[in-house]
Every structure is written in structure tokens, then in C-alpha cells.
């Protein structure tokens, strides 16, 4: 899917942005001095664009979100353990460093096979390099990504489609969560597809690779090619990535991204329509993005609900109640939606999730 965007001159549109008119302190950050490894240059045009948009869409909630997005040293990273290469040493090290399970065993969201560790302090556990023929012990990710898999709730034996799967984190989480009858991991962009395959090879034993099919199809065509073939579909759609857009290094590219941003919602709607066609009756689809943008989130879902007679929203109140312990959730969304707002100490997201069922 990302290749389609590139071929249309929209190569940056799947990345995030956040922005606004800077205060005096933020002005000093914009003028920047590279003090630390995580210090990045904020792109002024993106900052101002999103300050205008998100201050209107989020109101008072925008200020703490902006503070996190503009300070990368406050970002947090979760550690998803690989049950196929479990290491008690790694788990013990995480606990010694202050990490804890994202959902404790008393939580209704707890799934014993899905061990995701977080801690309140910012920082990043050391990454593991890919080594051919050897499984990695863990995967680093934004903890909000786990919520999309919890919403999808795959069950053993089901056929699951991850429509826009690269780099592979959510596919990995699906396989940690349950043992599907088939996981169909699709990524249209050839470079990202290779990245996806390498990720899967790093986390899935050879004996289970027969459960996984990878493909490079245009996600918008899968519904026609495989109608009513899947029990669950995840559409982690290409979007304007708020975190990375804010630090666009090329001003001309950033301006082009913003000018072409409106094209994204049409692509997202097409992807979601295709997902609905690929669902069997009674199946569910989870739609997710990494942006705060209403046009790419709730407006897309509203369009689908208004135009597809066989689609109904699915209440996620139970998940929201459990998630509210570790995530800051926007209060202005419907019960079939979650919007994770990053703030200090809970610097997860942005992540939008919606759940629909085909009747």
C-alpha cells in the first residue's frame, strides 16, 4: 500500500505529524542545538499545521499531547516477549529494570501467551539484531499497538488477514495471542514486504511457518480477490504518522505531505471497504492508524457505517476500561472507537482503533 502512495507522489503520507505555533521554550527547540542522540529538528511547517488542526479537534487535550510529541526523550517503548523463544533471563532483566506487565493477570484483557512489558519512565530496551536461523527473544513496539490486536481478538483456528502488515509488529502480536488456522500477512511495497518477511522469520519457528502466508497485493483489491475468506481482518492503514512527520528533515517534502494529506482518507476508505468484502458474515474488522487526525479516523469509520449496510459498530467499552489504567484515552469518541493520547508517563500512541462487524 505504501508503494501506491509513493508512485502517486505521496511517499510521506503514511508517517505521522504533530504541530503548532511554538511557545518561547518550543521556539528555542525549533532553533535547535543537537544536544543528545534523541534530539531532533522539529519541522516548523508541520508544527504550525498541526497546532492549528489539533487544537481545534482535541481542545485542551492537545497541550499535553503536544508536549510529548515534541520531546522524543520522553517517549516510551514496550517489550513484547516471544513465546516461541522464551527467555527467563530477559524477563528477569526487565523486572529488575522496573518493567511490569502491561495487563496484570487480574485484568480481563490478560492473555497468558501475550507478555508485553512496560515501565513508566522513558527509555528503550536494547534492540536485538536479525540473525538468520535464530529467533529473537522480544520485539520493541509502541504499547498502544497491542490494543489493536486485543480489539481484533483472534481465536485459534481462525483465518486472519493483516492487510497492511509491515513492519510486522501486529502480525507478531497476533501469533503470540492465538494460533490462527491461517495468518495472511500482506504488504504491497516491495521493500517493506521484505522487512515484513524478515520480521516474521525472526519470531516464528520454521515448524509454524505453514500457518503464515505473505503477499504483495494491493490491499484495495483483496476483497475482490478473496471475498468472504477471513474471520478477522486488521487494517493498520497508511496514515499521516504524527510522531515522524513532526521531525520531517526536508521542508519541501513536509509541505508536499501536508498538501496531499487529504488523499489519504479516500485510500483508507477503499482499504476498509476491501476488508469488509474479505470478511465472512459475522466476521470483524479492526481499523487502526497512528494519527490523531479526525479525517483519517472517525470520519473514515462514519463513512463506512453510512455507506455499507452490512456493517455495524462493535462496543469496546470493556477494553477501554482495562486500557484506561495504562493509557490516556480520549473521551470524545464513540464506544466502538479508542483514541490513545500520549502524555508524560503514558507516552503511548497516538493510536486510533475502531471495531466493526459484518452482519
Protein backbone atom coordinates (compact mmCIF):
# COMPACT_ATOMS: atom_id res chain seq x y z
CA UNK A 1 0.00 0.00 0.00
CA UNK A 2 2.86 2.36 0.76
CA UNK A 3 4.20 1.85 -2.77
CA UNK A 4 0.92 3.14 -4.17
CA UNK A 5 1.41 6.30 -2.16
CA UNK A 6 4.98 6.67 -3.37
CA UNK A 7 4.04 6.16 -7.01
CA UNK A 8 1.43 8.89 -6.63
CA UNK A 9 3.97 11.26 -5.14
CA UNK A 10 2.64 10.64 -1.62
CA UNK A 11 5.64 8.85 -0.14
CA UNK A 12 5.47 10.58 3.23
CA UNK A 13 1.76 10.28 3.85
CA UNK A 14 1.98 7.15 5.94
CA UNK A 15 4.09 8.94 8.53
CA UNK A 16 2.77 11.00 11.48
CA UNK A 17 2.89 14.65 12.34
CA UNK A 18 2.12 16.90 15.27
CA UNK A 19 2.44 20.60 15.43
CA UNK A 20 1.55 24.10 16.36
CA UNK A 21 2.66 27.65 16.95
CA UNK A 22 5.63 27.42 19.31
CA UNK A 23 5.89 28.97 22.74
CA UNK A 24 9.14 30.70 23.61
CA UNK A 25 10.53 27.44 25.03
CA UNK A 26 9.42 25.48 21.97
CA UNK A 27 10.86 28.23 19.75
CA UNK A 28 14.28 27.53 21.27
CA UNK A 29 13.76 23.83 20.48
CA UNK A 30 12.83 24.68 16.90
CA UNK A 31 16.06 26.62 16.50
CA UNK A 32 17.81 23.51 17.93
CA UNK A 33 21.17 22.50 19.03
CA UNK A 34 21.86 18.81 18.69
CA UNK A 35 22.46 18.10 22.40
CA UNK A 36 21.57 14.42 22.67
CA UNK A 37 21.16 11.47 20.39
CA UNK A 38 17.37 11.70 20.61
CA UNK A 39 17.29 15.44 19.96
CA UNK A 40 15.64 16.04 16.62
CA UNK A 41 14.82 19.04 14.50
CA UNK A 42 11.15 19.96 14.60
CA UNK A 43 9.75 20.90 11.20
CA UNK A 44 8.12 24.32 11.58
CA UNK A 45 5.57 23.96 8.75
CA UNK A 46 4.29 20.66 10.13
CA UNK A 47 4.30 22.00 13.69
CA UNK A 48 2.19 25.01 12.79
CA UNK A 49 -0.20 23.00 10.62
CA UNK A 50 -0.95 20.55 13.39
CA UNK A 51 -1.11 23.18 16.09
CA UNK A 52 -3.98 24.71 14.15
CA UNK A 53 -5.71 21.40 13.40
CA UNK A 54 -5.33 19.54 16.68
CA UNK A 55 -6.01 22.49 18.97
CA UNK A 56 -9.43 22.61 17.28
CA UNK A 57 -10.05 18.85 17.21
CA UNK A 58 -8.69 17.99 20.67
CA UNK A 59 -9.19 21.23 22.59
CA UNK A 60 -7.46 21.26 25.98
CA UNK A 61 -6.24 17.67 25.46
CA UNK A 62 -3.86 18.85 22.73
CA UNK A 63 -1.41 20.66 25.03
CA UNK A 64 -0.12 17.60 26.98
CA UNK A 65 -0.07 15.56 23.76
CA UNK A 66 1.98 18.23 22.00
CA UNK A 67 4.44 18.29 24.90
CA UNK A 68 5.16 14.57 24.46
CA UNK A 69 5.31 14.60 20.67
CA UNK A 70 7.81 17.47 20.66
CA UNK A 71 10.15 15.84 23.21
CA UNK A 72 11.40 12.47 21.90
CA UNK A 73 13.41 11.83 25.07
CA UNK A 74 10.08 11.37 26.89
CA UNK A 75 8.89 8.61 24.55
CA UNK A 76 8.42 5.11 25.95
CA UNK A 77 8.85 1.70 24.37
CA UNK A 78 7.23 -1.61 25.29
CA UNK A 79 8.83 -5.05 25.09
CA UNK A 80 6.75 -7.91 23.65
CA UNK A 81 8.28 -11.26 24.61
CA UNK A 82 8.43 -14.02 22.01
CA UNK A 83 6.73 -17.12 23.41
CA UNK A 84 8.44 -19.21 20.72
CA UNK A 85 11.86 -18.25 22.09
CA UNK A 86 11.10 -17.56 25.73
CA UNK A 87 13.99 -16.40 27.89
CA UNK A 88 13.53 -16.22 31.65
CA UNK A 89 16.77 -14.23 31.77
CA UNK A 90 15.27 -11.49 29.60
CA UNK A 91 12.07 -11.46 31.67
CA UNK A 92 14.06 -11.22 34.90
CA UNK A 93 16.19 -8.41 33.47
CA UNK A 94 13.06 -6.49 32.50
CA UNK A 95 11.68 -6.78 36.01
CA UNK A 96 14.98 -5.70 37.54
CA UNK A 97 14.94 -2.61 35.32
CA UNK A 98 11.45 -1.69 36.56
CA UNK A 99 9.32 -3.11 33.76
CA UNK A 100 5.91 -4.64 34.54
CA UNK A 101 3.25 -6.49 32.55
CA UNK A 102 1.03 -4.18 30.52
CA UNK A 103 -2.04 -6.06 31.72
CA UNK A 104 -1.70 -7.89 35.07
CA UNK A 105 -3.12 -11.37 35.49
CA UNK A 106 -6.19 -9.93 37.26
CA UNK A 107 -7.12 -7.88 34.17
CA UNK A 108 -9.89 -9.16 31.85
CA UNK A 109 -7.51 -8.35 28.99
CA UNK A 110 -4.76 -10.61 30.29
CA UNK A 111 -3.77 -13.38 27.90
CA UNK A 112 -1.04 -15.61 29.32
CA UNK A 113 0.60 -16.12 25.93
CA UNK A 114 0.84 -12.37 25.29
CA UNK A 115 3.52 -10.93 27.56
CA UNK A 116 4.07 -7.24 26.95
CA UNK A 117 6.25 -5.36 29.43
CA UNK A 118 6.21 -1.60 30.01
CA UNK A 119 7.56 0.90 32.50
CA UNK A 120 6.50 4.45 33.31
CA UNK A 121 9.93 6.00 32.74
CA UNK A 122 11.03 6.85 29.21
CA UNK A 123 13.71 4.74 27.61
CA UNK A 124 14.27 1.88 25.25
CA UNK A 125 15.37 -1.69 25.95
CA UNK A 126 18.30 -2.72 23.68
CA UNK A 127 17.15 -3.98 20.29
CA UNK A 128 18.17 -7.41 19.02
CA UNK A 129 19.73 -7.76 15.58
CA UNK A 130 18.31 -10.09 12.96
CA UNK A 131 20.31 -13.31 12.71
CA UNK A 132 19.33 -15.85 10.07
CA UNK A 133 18.11 -19.09 11.59
CA UNK A 134 17.84 -17.70 15.13
CA UNK A 135 14.66 -16.41 16.76
CA UNK A 136 14.61 -13.11 18.62
CA UNK A 137 13.54 -13.08 22.26
CA UNK A 138 11.44 -9.93 22.07
CA UNK A 139 10.02 -7.16 19.88
CA UNK A 140 10.12 -3.44 20.72
CA UNK A 141 6.95 -1.51 19.98
CA UNK A 142 4.58 1.26 20.97
CA UNK A 143 2.37 -0.39 23.61
CA UNK A 144 -0.75 1.13 22.03
CA UNK A 145 -0.25 -1.25 19.09
CA UNK A 146 -1.21 -4.14 21.37
CA UNK A 147 -4.69 -2.64 21.78
CA UNK A 148 -5.43 -3.20 18.09
CA UNK A 149 -4.68 -6.92 18.49
CA UNK A 150 -6.74 -7.11 21.69
CA UNK A 151 -9.61 -5.47 19.82
CA UNK A 152 -9.22 -7.94 16.95
CA UNK A 153 -9.32 -10.81 19.49
CA UNK A 154 -8.15 -13.58 17.11
CA UNK A 155 -9.09 -17.11 18.13
CA UNK A 156 -7.33 -20.38 17.47
CA UNK A 157 -8.17 -21.84 14.08
CA UNK A 158 -9.45 -18.59 12.57
CA UNK A 159 -8.30 -17.16 9.25
CA UNK A 160 -6.82 -13.74 9.91
CA UNK A 161 -5.79 -11.07 7.39
CA UNK A 162 -3.30 -8.34 8.28
CA UNK A 163 -3.91 -6.15 5.25
CA UNK A 164 -1.08 -3.59 5.64
CA UNK A 165 1.27 -5.71 7.72
CA UNK A 166 4.78 -4.20 7.53
CA UNK A 167 6.92 -3.90 9.55
CA UNK A 168 5.19 -6.86 11.22
CA UNK A 169 4.66 -5.97 14.87
CA UNK A 170 0.91 -6.57 14.88
CA UNK A 171 1.28 -9.84 12.93
CA UNK A 172 3.77 -10.96 15.55
CA UNK A 173 1.36 -9.98 18.33
CA UNK A 174 -1.47 -11.93 16.64
CA UNK A 175 0.69 -15.06 16.66
CA UNK A 176 1.60 -14.50 20.30
CA UNK A 177 -2.07 -14.02 21.18
CA UNK A 178 -3.52 -17.12 19.48
CA UNK A 179 -2.72 -19.84 16.97
CA UNK A 180 -4.78 -18.94 13.91
CA UNK A 181 -5.62 -21.51 11.27
CA UNK A 182 -4.02 -19.04 8.85
CA UNK A 183 -2.37 -15.64 9.13
CA UNK A 184 -2.33 -13.85 5.80
CA UNK A 185 0.20 -11.00 6.10
CA UNK A 186 0.00 -8.61 3.16
CA UNK A 187 2.26 -5.68 2.26
CA UNK A 188 2.22 -4.07 -1.18
CA UNK A 189 5.50 -2.16 -1.00
CA UNK A 190 8.34 -4.50 -2.04
CA UNK A 191 10.95 -3.09 0.37
CA UNK A 192 8.53 -3.13 3.30
CA UNK A 193 7.38 -6.62 2.28
CA UNK A 194 10.97 -7.86 2.62
CA UNK A 195 11.14 -6.18 6.02
CA UNK A 196 7.92 -7.96 7.00
CA UNK A 197 9.26 -11.36 5.92
CA UNK A 198 12.45 -10.83 7.91
CA UNK A 199 10.43 -9.88 10.99
CA UNK A 200 8.28 -12.99 10.71
CA UNK A 201 11.36 -15.18 10.24
CA UNK A 202 12.85 -13.65 13.38
CA UNK A 203 9.87 -14.53 15.56
CA UNK A 204 8.19 -17.64 14.19
CA UNK A 205 9.74 -21.12 14.29
CA UNK A 206 10.03 -22.95 10.98
CA UNK A 207 7.54 -25.55 12.22
CA UNK A 208 4.80 -22.89 12.36
CA UNK A 209 5.59 -21.01 9.15
CA UNK A 210 2.99 -23.14 7.36
CA UNK A 211 0.38 -21.09 9.26
CA UNK A 212 1.60 -17.88 7.60
CA UNK A 213 1.18 -16.65 4.04
CA UNK A 214 2.80 -13.39 2.91
CA UNK A 215 1.73 -11.48 -0.17
CA UNK A 216 2.34 -8.20 -2.02
CA UNK A 217 -1.19 -7.40 -3.15
CA UNK A 218 -2.83 -4.01 -3.41
CA UNK A 219 -4.94 -4.13 -0.24
CA UNK A 220 -7.80 -2.40 -2.05
CA UNK A 221 -8.15 -5.46 -4.31
CA UNK A 222 -8.05 -8.22 -1.70
CA UNK A 223 -11.79 -8.06 -1.08
CA UNK A 224 -12.46 -8.79 -4.75
CA UNK A 225 -9.76 -11.44 -4.98
CA UNK A 226 -10.74 -13.26 -1.77
CA UNK A 227 -14.36 -12.41 -0.93
CA UNK A 228 -15.64 -13.57 2.47
CA UNK A 229 -12.44 -15.56 3.07
CA UNK A 230 -11.43 -14.33 6.54
CA UNK A 231 -12.81 -14.43 10.07
CA UNK A 232 -10.87 -11.37 11.21
CA UNK A 233 -9.22 -8.54 9.29
CA UNK A 234 -6.80 -5.93 10.63
CA UNK A 235 -6.40 -2.75 8.59
CA UNK A 236 -3.46 -0.85 10.06
CA UNK A 237 -3.91 1.80 7.42
CA UNK A 238 -1.26 4.09 5.89
CA UNK A 239 -1.72 7.43 7.62
CA UNK A 240 -0.05 10.72 8.47
CA UNK A 241 2.25 9.49 11.22
CA UNK A 242 2.22 12.25 13.84
CA UNK A 243 5.48 11.28 15.54
CA UNK A 244 7.68 11.11 12.45
CA UNK A 245 6.02 13.87 10.42
CA UNK A 246 6.83 16.40 13.11
CA UNK A 247 10.53 15.75 12.53
CA UNK A 248 10.50 15.87 8.72
CA UNK A 249 14.02 16.82 7.70
CA UNK A 250 13.08 18.16 4.27
CA UNK A 251 10.85 21.26 4.35
CA UNK A 252 9.73 20.82 0.73
CA UNK A 253 8.78 17.19 1.33
CA UNK A 254 6.92 18.13 4.51
CA UNK A 255 4.94 20.80 2.67
CA UNK A 256 4.07 18.29 -0.07
CA UNK A 257 2.92 15.76 2.52
CA UNK A 258 0.59 18.28 4.11
CA UNK A 259 -0.79 19.43 0.77
CA UNK A 260 -1.56 15.86 -0.27
CA UNK A 261 -2.83 14.72 3.12
CA UNK A 262 -6.49 14.79 2.07
CA UNK A 263 -5.84 11.98 -0.41
CA UNK A 264 -5.26 9.59 2.47
CA UNK A 265 -8.84 9.32 3.68
CA UNK A 266 -10.02 8.17 0.24
CA UNK A 267 -7.35 5.42 0.23
CA UNK A 268 -8.24 4.42 3.79
CA UNK A 269 -11.93 4.13 2.87
CA UNK A 270 -11.05 1.92 -0.10
CA UNK A 271 -8.91 -0.31 2.09
CA UNK A 272 -11.65 -0.64 4.68
CA UNK A 273 -14.27 -1.43 2.03
CA UNK A 274 -11.97 -4.15 0.71
CA UNK A 275 -11.58 -5.51 4.24
CA UNK A 276 -15.35 -5.72 4.64
CA UNK A 277 -15.62 -7.63 1.35
CA UNK A 278 -12.90 -10.02 2.51
CA UNK A 279 -14.79 -10.77 5.75
CA UNK A 280 -17.11 -13.72 6.14
CA UNK A 281 -20.58 -12.83 7.53
CA UNK A 282 -20.26 -12.40 11.27
CA UNK A 283 -16.55 -11.59 10.99
CA UNK A 284 -14.95 -8.50 12.49
CA UNK A 285 -12.56 -5.88 11.16
CA UNK A 286 -10.33 -3.63 13.23
CA UNK A 287 -9.18 -0.37 11.66
CA UNK A 288 -6.20 1.45 13.17
CA UNK A 289 -3.95 4.42 12.45
CA UNK A 290 -1.11 6.22 14.21
CA UNK A 291 -2.54 9.70 13.76
CA UNK A 292 -4.82 11.99 15.74
CA UNK A 293 -6.48 13.29 12.57
CA UNK A 294 -10.28 13.09 12.67
CA UNK A 295 -10.42 12.95 8.86
CA UNK A 296 -8.34 9.75 8.85
CA UNK A 297 -10.00 8.22 11.90
CA UNK A 298 -13.62 8.68 12.92
CA UNK A 299 -14.63 10.30 9.61
CA UNK A 300 -13.47 7.17 7.74
CA UNK A 301 -15.47 4.91 10.06
CA UNK A 302 -18.55 7.12 9.83
CA UNK A 303 -18.36 6.99 6.04
CA UNK A 304 -18.20 3.19 6.05
CA UNK A 305 -21.06 2.86 8.55
CA UNK A 306 -23.21 5.21 6.46
CA UNK A 307 -22.44 3.58 3.13
CA UNK A 308 -22.15 -0.15 3.95
CA UNK A 309 -25.47 -1.61 5.04
CA UNK A 310 -23.91 -4.88 6.26
CA UNK A 311 -21.52 -3.26 8.73
CA UNK A 312 -22.29 -2.43 12.36
CA UNK A 313 -20.11 -0.96 15.14
CA UNK A 314 -18.81 -3.19 17.95
CA UNK A 315 -18.72 -1.87 21.51
CA UNK A 316 -15.20 -1.80 23.00
CA UNK A 317 -16.12 -0.42 26.44
CA UNK A 318 -14.62 -3.38 28.29
CA UNK A 319 -11.28 -2.97 26.54
CA UNK A 320 -11.40 0.79 27.13
CA UNK A 321 -11.95 0.32 30.89
CA UNK A 322 -8.99 -2.05 31.15
CA UNK A 323 -6.78 0.11 28.92
CA UNK A 324 -7.54 3.28 30.87
CA UNK A 325 -5.21 2.09 33.65
CA UNK A 326 -2.13 2.42 31.45
CA UNK A 327 -3.28 4.60 28.54
CA UNK A 328 -4.80 8.05 28.28
CA UNK A 329 -7.93 7.68 26.15
CA UNK A 330 -9.85 10.49 24.51
CA UNK A 331 -13.34 10.87 25.95
CA UNK A 332 -14.84 12.36 22.81
CA UNK A 333 -15.13 9.13 20.79
CA UNK A 334 -17.86 6.52 20.37
CA UNK A 335 -17.95 3.15 22.17
CA UNK A 336 -16.70 1.38 19.04
CA UNK A 337 -13.58 3.60 18.97
CA UNK A 338 -10.45 4.16 21.04
CA UNK A 339 -8.09 7.11 20.65
CA UNK A 340 -4.87 6.85 22.65
CA UNK A 341 -3.40 10.24 23.54
CA UNK A 342 0.28 10.29 24.55
CA UNK A 343 1.16 12.19 27.71
CA UNK A 344 4.13 12.12 30.04
CA UNK A 345 4.39 8.85 31.95
CA UNK A 346 1.95 7.29 29.48
CA UNK A 347 3.68 8.28 26.25
CA UNK A 348 1.87 5.68 24.13
CA UNK A 349 0.22 6.47 20.83
CA UNK A 350 -1.12 8.34 19.05
CA UNK A 351 -3.24 5.33 18.14
CA UNK A 352 -6.78 5.23 16.82
CA UNK A 353 -8.71 1.93 16.80
CA UNK A 354 -12.23 1.14 15.64
CA UNK A 355 -14.03 -2.20 15.51
CA UNK A 356 -16.80 -3.21 13.08
CA UNK A 357 -18.70 -6.42 12.39
CA UNK A 358 -20.12 -7.70 9.11
CA UNK A 359 -23.71 -8.85 9.59
